[in-house]
Amino acid sequence: MTTDAFLARLAFDLLSNTWNAVVLWALREGPRRPVELRERIGGISSKVLTETLRRLQFNGLVDRHAHPGAPPRVETRSPPWDGPC
């Protein structure tokens, strides 16, 4: 499989999952905590949101930032994108 074919398949796999696109859209205005994402999105369980965030992080589409201190606080954000618009 060529690199272009692999990248096309990866993009299709990522975008064919409804929650991936919904979560990315919810992150467009800046970092959000998981509870904030659930409130913004609505209709997504904690389990599905966690799985989606992990998948997006694994593929480099979101960054996870854990803040030190108590209680623990985690934010997820879309990294800056330097590609064409």
N, C-alpha and C. Protein backbone atom coordinates (compact mmCIF):
# COMPACT_ATOMS: atom_id res chain seq x y z
N MET A 1 0.85 -1.17 0.00
CA MET A 1 0.00 0.00 0.00
C MET A 1 0.90 1.24 0.00
N THR A 2 0.58 2.18 -0.86
CA THR A 2 1.38 3.41 -0.93
C THR A 2 1.08 4.30 0.27
N THR A 3 1.96 5.25 0.49
CA THR A 3 1.76 6.18 1.61
C THR A 3 0.48 6.97 1.43
N ASP A 4 0.20 7.43 0.21
CA ASP A 4 -1.02 8.19 -0.04
C ASP A 4 -2.26 7.35 0.23
N ALA A 5 -2.24 6.10 -0.19
CA ALA A 5 -3.38 5.22 0.04
C ALA A 5 -3.56 4.97 1.53
N PHE A 6 -2.46 4.78 2.23
CA PHE A 6 -2.53 4.56 3.67
C PHE A 6 -3.13 5.78 4.37
N LEU A 7 -2.65 6.97 4.02
CA LEU A 7 -3.15 8.19 4.64
C LEU A 7 -4.63 8.42 4.32
N ALA A 8 -5.01 8.13 3.09
CA ALA A 8 -6.41 8.27 2.71
C ALA A 8 -7.29 7.32 3.51
N ARG A 9 -6.83 6.09 3.67
CA ARG A 9 -7.60 5.12 4.45
C ARG A 9 -7.69 5.54 5.92
N LEU A 10 -6.59 6.03 6.48
CA LEU A 10 -6.58 6.50 7.86
C LEU A 10 -7.56 7.66 8.04
N ALA A 11 -7.53 8.61 7.11
CA ALA A 11 -8.44 9.75 7.18
C ALA A 11 -9.89 9.29 7.10
N PHE A 12 -10.18 8.37 6.20
CA PHE A 12 -11.54 7.86 6.07
C PHE A 12 -11.97 7.15 7.35
N ASP A 13 -11.11 6.32 7.91
CA ASP A 13 -11.44 5.60 9.15
C ASP A 13 -11.73 6.58 10.28
N LEU A 14 -10.93 7.63 10.38
CA LEU A 14 -11.14 8.60 11.46
C LEU A 14 -12.42 9.41 11.26
N LEU A 15 -12.69 9.82 10.04
CA LEU A 15 -13.86 10.66 9.79
C LEU A 15 -15.15 9.87 9.68
N SER A 16 -15.06 8.56 9.47
CA SER A 16 -16.27 7.76 9.37
C SER A 16 -16.89 7.51 10.74
N ASN A 17 -16.13 7.73 11.80
CA ASN A 17 -16.68 7.61 13.15
C ASN A 17 -17.33 8.93 13.51
N THR A 18 -18.64 8.91 13.72
CA THR A 18 -19.40 10.12 13.99
C THR A 18 -18.84 10.91 15.15
N TRP A 19 -18.50 10.23 16.23
CA TRP A 19 -18.06 10.94 17.43
C TRP A 19 -16.73 11.66 17.22
N ASN A 20 -15.86 11.14 16.37
CA ASN A 20 -14.59 11.83 16.12
C ASN A 20 -14.85 13.24 15.61
N ALA A 21 -15.67 13.35 14.60
CA ALA A 21 -15.96 14.66 14.01
C ALA A 21 -16.68 15.57 15.00
N VAL A 22 -17.60 15.02 15.77
CA VAL A 22 -18.36 15.81 16.75
C VAL A 22 -17.42 16.36 17.83
N VAL A 23 -16.53 15.53 18.33
CA VAL A 23 -15.59 15.97 19.38
C VAL A 23 -14.63 17.02 18.82
N LEU A 24 -14.11 16.80 17.62
CA LEU A 24 -13.22 17.80 17.02
C LEU A 24 -13.94 19.13 16.84
N TRP A 25 -15.20 19.09 16.44
CA TRP A 25 -15.97 20.31 16.27
C TRP A 25 -16.16 21.02 17.62
N ALA A 26 -16.41 20.25 18.67
CA ALA A 26 -16.60 20.82 20.01
C ALA A 26 -15.32 21.46 20.54
N LEU A 27 -14.18 21.02 20.05
CA LEU A 27 -12.89 21.56 20.50
C LEU A 27 -12.42 22.75 19.67
N ARG A 28 -13.18 23.16 18.68
CA ARG A 28 -12.72 24.19 17.75
C ARG A 28 -12.49 25.54 18.43
N GLU A 29 -13.16 25.81 19.54
CA GLU A 29 -13.03 27.12 20.19
C GLU A 29 -12.00 27.13 21.31
N GLY A 30 -11.37 26.00 21.57
CA GLY A 30 -10.33 25.98 22.59
C GLY A 30 -10.41 24.75 23.48
N PRO A 31 -9.48 24.67 24.44
CA PRO A 31 -9.39 23.50 25.31
C PRO A 31 -10.67 23.30 26.13
N ARG A 32 -10.98 22.05 26.36
CA ARG A 32 -12.17 21.70 27.15
C ARG A 32 -11.85 20.53 28.06
N ARG A 33 -12.45 20.54 29.23
CA ARG A 33 -12.39 19.39 30.12
C ARG A 33 -13.42 18.37 29.63
N PRO A 34 -13.23 17.09 29.96
CA PRO A 34 -14.19 16.07 29.50
C PRO A 34 -15.64 16.38 29.88
N VAL A 35 -15.87 16.86 31.09
CA VAL A 35 -17.24 17.17 31.50
C VAL A 35 -17.81 18.31 30.66
N GLU A 36 -16.97 19.27 30.29
CA GLU A 36 -17.42 20.36 29.43
C GLU A 36 -17.75 19.85 28.03
N LEU A 37 -16.95 18.91 27.54
CA LEU A 37 -17.23 18.32 26.23
C LEU A 37 -18.56 17.58 26.25
N ARG A 38 -18.80 16.80 27.30
CA ARG A 38 -20.07 16.06 27.39
C ARG A 38 -21.25 17.02 27.40
N GLU A 39 -21.12 18.13 28.12
CA GLU A 39 -22.21 19.11 28.17
C GLU A 39 -22.43 19.77 26.81
N ARG A 40 -21.34 20.10 26.13
CA ARG A 40 -21.45 20.76 24.82
C ARG A 40 -22.04 19.82 23.78
N ILE A 41 -21.62 18.55 23.82
CA ILE A 41 -22.03 17.59 22.80
C ILE A 41 -23.43 17.06 23.08
N GLY A 42 -23.65 16.57 24.29
CA GLY A 42 -24.93 15.96 24.63
C GLY A 42 -25.09 14.61 23.95
N GLY A 43 -25.65 13.66 24.66
CA GLY A 43 -25.92 12.34 24.08
C GLY A 43 -24.73 11.43 23.95
N ILE A 44 -23.61 11.76 24.56
CA ILE A 44 -22.43 10.91 24.50
C ILE A 44 -22.11 10.44 25.91
N SER A 45 -21.87 9.16 26.06
CA SER A 45 -21.54 8.62 27.38
C SER A 45 -20.09 8.92 27.72
N SER A 46 -19.77 8.84 29.00
CA SER A 46 -18.38 9.05 29.44
C SER A 46 -17.45 8.05 28.78
N LYS A 47 -17.91 6.80 28.67
CA LYS A 47 -17.08 5.74 28.08
C LYS A 47 -16.77 6.05 26.62
N VAL A 48 -17.78 6.40 25.86
CA VAL A 48 -17.59 6.68 24.43
C VAL A 48 -16.73 7.93 24.25
N LEU A 49 -16.93 8.95 25.08
CA LEU A 49 -16.10 10.15 24.99
C LEU A 49 -14.65 9.82 25.29
N THR A 50 -14.40 9.04 26.33
CA THR A 50 -13.03 8.65 26.68
C THR A 50 -12.38 7.87 25.55
N GLU A 51 -13.10 6.90 24.97
CA GLU A 51 -12.56 6.12 23.85
C GLU A 51 -12.26 7.02 22.66
N THR A 52 -13.15 7.95 22.38
CA THR A 52 -12.96 8.86 21.25
C THR A 52 -11.76 9.76 21.47
N LEU A 53 -11.63 10.33 22.67
CA LEU A 53 -10.49 11.20 22.96
C LEU A 53 -9.18 10.43 22.87
N ARG A 54 -9.16 9.19 23.35
CA ARG A 54 -7.94 8.38 23.26
C ARG A 54 -7.57 8.09 21.81
N ARG A 55 -8.59 7.77 20.99
CA ARG A 55 -8.34 7.49 19.57
C ARG A 55 -7.81 8.73 18.86
N LEU A 56 -8.41 9.88 19.13
CA LEU A 56 -7.96 11.12 18.51
C LEU A 56 -6.56 11.51 18.99
N GLN A 57 -6.28 11.28 20.25
CA GLN A 57 -4.94 11.57 20.78
C GLN A 57 -3.91 10.64 20.15
N PHE A 58 -4.23 9.36 20.05
CA PHE A 58 -3.32 8.39 19.45
C PHE A 58 -2.95 8.79 18.03
N ASN A 59 -3.92 9.34 17.30
CA ASN A 59 -3.70 9.74 15.91
C ASN A 59 -3.20 11.17 15.76
N GLY A 60 -2.89 11.83 16.87
CA GLY A 60 -2.30 13.16 16.82
C GLY A 60 -3.27 14.29 16.52
N LEU A 61 -4.57 14.03 16.66
CA LEU A 61 -5.55 15.06 16.34
C LEU A 61 -5.95 15.92 17.53
N VAL A 62 -5.67 15.46 18.74
CA VAL A 62 -5.90 16.26 19.94
C VAL A 62 -4.73 16.06 20.90
N ASP A 63 -4.54 17.05 21.75
CA ASP A 63 -3.53 16.98 22.81
C ASP A 63 -4.25 16.89 24.15
N ARG A 64 -3.68 16.12 25.06
CA ARG A 64 -4.23 15.99 26.41
C ARG A 64 -3.24 16.66 27.35
N HIS A 65 -3.75 17.54 28.20
CA HIS A 65 -2.89 18.25 29.14
C HIS A 65 -3.43 18.04 30.55
N ALA A 66 -2.64 17.39 31.41
CA ALA A 66 -3.01 17.18 32.80
C ALA A 66 -2.40 18.29 33.64
N HIS A 67 -3.23 19.00 34.38
CA HIS A 67 -2.76 20.06 35.26
C HIS A 67 -2.41 19.47 36.62
N PRO A 68 -1.28 19.86 37.20
CA PRO A 68 -0.93 19.35 38.53
C PRO A 68 -1.86 19.94 39.59
N GLY A 69 -1.95 19.24 40.69
CA GLY A 69 -2.73 19.75 41.81
C GLY A 69 -3.90 18.85 42.14
N ALA A 70 -4.61 19.26 43.16
CA ALA A 70 -5.78 18.50 43.60
C ALA A 70 -6.97 19.45 43.56
N PRO A 71 -8.06 19.03 43.04
CA PRO A 71 -8.28 17.74 42.37
C PRO A 71 -7.61 17.73 41.00
N PRO A 72 -7.35 16.53 40.48
CA PRO A 72 -6.73 16.43 39.16
C PRO A 72 -7.62 17.10 38.11
N ARG A 73 -7.00 17.74 37.14
CA ARG A 73 -7.74 18.42 36.08
C ARG A 73 -7.07 18.12 34.75
N VAL A 74 -7.86 17.70 33.79
CA VAL A 74 -7.35 17.36 32.46
C VAL A 74 -8.11 18.18 31.43
N GLU A 75 -7.39 18.74 30.47
CA GLU A 75 -8.01 19.44 29.35
C GLU A 75 -7.55 18.79 28.05
N THR A 76 -8.42 18.82 27.08
CA THR A 76 -8.10 18.33 25.74
C THR A 76 -8.24 19.49 24.78
N ARG A 77 -7.32 19.57 23.82
CA ARG A 77 -7.39 20.65 22.84
C ARG A 77 -6.92 20.14 21.48
N SER A 78 -7.37 20.84 20.46
CA SER A 78 -6.87 20.55 19.11
C SER A 78 -5.54 21.26 18.96
N PRO A 79 -4.52 20.56 18.49
CA PRO A 79 -3.23 21.24 18.29
C PRO A 79 -3.33 22.20 17.11
N PRO A 80 -2.47 23.22 17.08
CA PRO A 80 -2.47 24.13 15.93
C PRO A 80 -2.20 23.36 14.64
N TRP A 81 -2.85 23.77 13.57
CA TRP A 81 -2.67 23.09 12.29
C TRP A 81 -2.13 24.09 11.30
N ASP A 82 -1.02 23.74 10.67
CA ASP A 82 -0.36 24.65 9.74
C ASP A 82 -0.64 24.34 8.28
N GLY A 83 -1.61 23.48 8.03
CA GLY A 83 -1.90 23.08 6.65
C GLY A 83 -2.73 24.12 5.91
N PRO A 84 -3.02 23.86 4.64
CA PRO A 84 -3.81 24.80 3.84
C PRO A 84 -5.25 24.84 4.31
N CYS A 85 -5.90 25.97 4.14
CA CYS A 85 -7.31 26.12 4.54
C CYS A 85 -8.20 26.01 3.34
